Amino acid sequence: MPKQSLLELLANQCGCPYLSDLHTQTYRPVLRKVVLRLAAESYSDQEWNDSFTYILGRKADAQTAEEIKRELIHAISEKE
C-alpha cells in the first residue's frame, strides 16, 4: 500500500474534511500539534516544501525537511 502524502496525512490527522481546509485559521492550532509530532525525516525535503507552499501560499526559506518543519511550525503559530 502506498504511503500517504504529507498533505493527506496532515488533513486526516487534523480532521479536515477537505485538503483545502488546511488553509484556514480554524485548523491552525491542531495543525501545529500534528506537525510537532511528526518526524521530519518521514517525508522528503521536497514533500515538506510542497506542503509548506500549499498551506501558506508561499515558498519556505528553509531547505531541509527539519528546517522546513520548524519554519512551518513558526509560521502557523504566528497566524493562530
Protein backbone atom coordinates (compact mmCIF):
# COMPACT_ATOMS: atom_id res chain seq x y z
CA MET A 1 0.00 0.00 0.00
CA PRO A 2 1.49 3.40 -0.95
CA LYS A 3 2.47 5.78 1.79
CA GLN A 4 0.06 8.66 2.37
CA SER A 5 1.33 12.04 1.20
CA LEU A 6 2.29 14.56 3.85
CA LEU A 7 -0.64 16.82 2.94
CA GLU A 8 -3.11 13.92 3.14
CA LEU A 9 -1.67 12.88 6.49
CA LEU A 10 -1.92 16.42 7.86
CA ALA A 11 -5.51 16.82 6.67
CA ASN A 12 -6.54 13.45 8.11
CA GLN A 13 -4.77 13.99 11.43
CA CYS A 14 -6.32 17.46 11.75
CA GLY A 15 -9.80 16.17 10.99
CA CYS A 16 -10.13 18.32 7.86
CA PRO A 17 -12.99 17.18 5.62
CA TYR A 18 -11.18 18.76 2.64
CA LEU A 19 -7.48 19.24 1.94
CA SER A 20 -8.13 22.95 1.34
CA ASP A 21 -9.22 23.29 4.98
CA LEU A 22 -5.52 23.27 5.86
CA HIS A 23 -5.50 26.90 4.63
CA THR A 24 -7.99 28.02 7.28
CA GLN A 25 -7.32 29.55 10.68
CA THR A 26 -9.73 27.07 12.27
CA TYR A 27 -7.27 24.20 11.93
CA ARG A 28 -4.06 26.06 12.81
CA PRO A 29 -3.85 25.02 16.49
CA VAL A 30 -4.37 21.33 15.73
CA LEU A 31 -2.14 21.53 12.62
CA ARG A 32 0.68 22.85 14.80
CA LYS A 33 0.28 19.92 17.22
CA VAL A 34 0.25 17.39 14.38
CA VAL A 35 3.37 18.86 12.76
CA LEU A 36 5.19 18.92 16.10
CA ARG A 37 4.60 15.16 16.48
CA LEU A 38 5.87 14.26 13.01
CA ALA A 39 9.41 13.13 12.37
CA ALA A 40 10.79 15.41 9.65
CA GLU A 41 12.72 12.54 8.09
CA SER A 42 9.49 10.63 7.43
CA TYR A 43 9.00 12.77 4.32
CA SER A 44 11.35 14.19 1.73
CA ASP A 45 12.59 17.77 1.66
CA GLN A 46 10.50 18.28 -1.48
CA GLU A 47 7.32 16.97 0.14
CA TRP A 48 7.80 19.26 3.14
CA ASN A 49 8.45 22.17 0.79
CA ASP A 50 5.37 21.40 -1.31
CA SER A 51 3.22 21.09 1.81
CA PHE A 52 4.56 24.35 3.21
CA THR A 53 3.76 26.12 -0.06
CA TYR A 54 0.27 24.63 -0.22
CA ILE A 55 -0.62 25.52 3.37
CA LEU A 56 0.86 29.02 3.48
CA GLY A 57 0.77 30.07 -0.16
CA ARG A 58 4.46 30.92 -0.30
CA LYS A 59 7.79 29.12 -0.58
CA ALA A 60 9.75 28.17 2.51
CA ASP A 61 13.06 29.91 3.11
CA ALA A 62 14.46 26.69 4.59
CA GLN A 63 15.94 23.86 2.52
CA THR A 64 15.92 20.65 4.57
CA ALA A 65 12.91 18.76 5.89
CA GLU A 66 13.81 19.57 9.51
CA GLU A 67 14.30 23.28 8.77
CA ILE A 68 11.07 23.48 6.74
CA LYS A 69 9.19 21.73 9.55
CA ARG A 70 10.48 24.32 12.05
CA GLU A 71 9.61 27.18 9.69
CA LEU A 72 6.10 25.77 9.19
CA ILE A 73 5.55 25.47 12.95
CA HIS A 74 6.73 29.05 13.44
CA ALA A 75 4.59 30.38 10.58
CA ILE A 76 1.37 28.68 11.67
CA SER A 77 1.99 29.68 15.28
CA GLU A 78 2.17 33.34 14.24
CA LYS A 79 -1.12 33.06 12.38
CA GLU A 80 -3.08 31.42 15.24
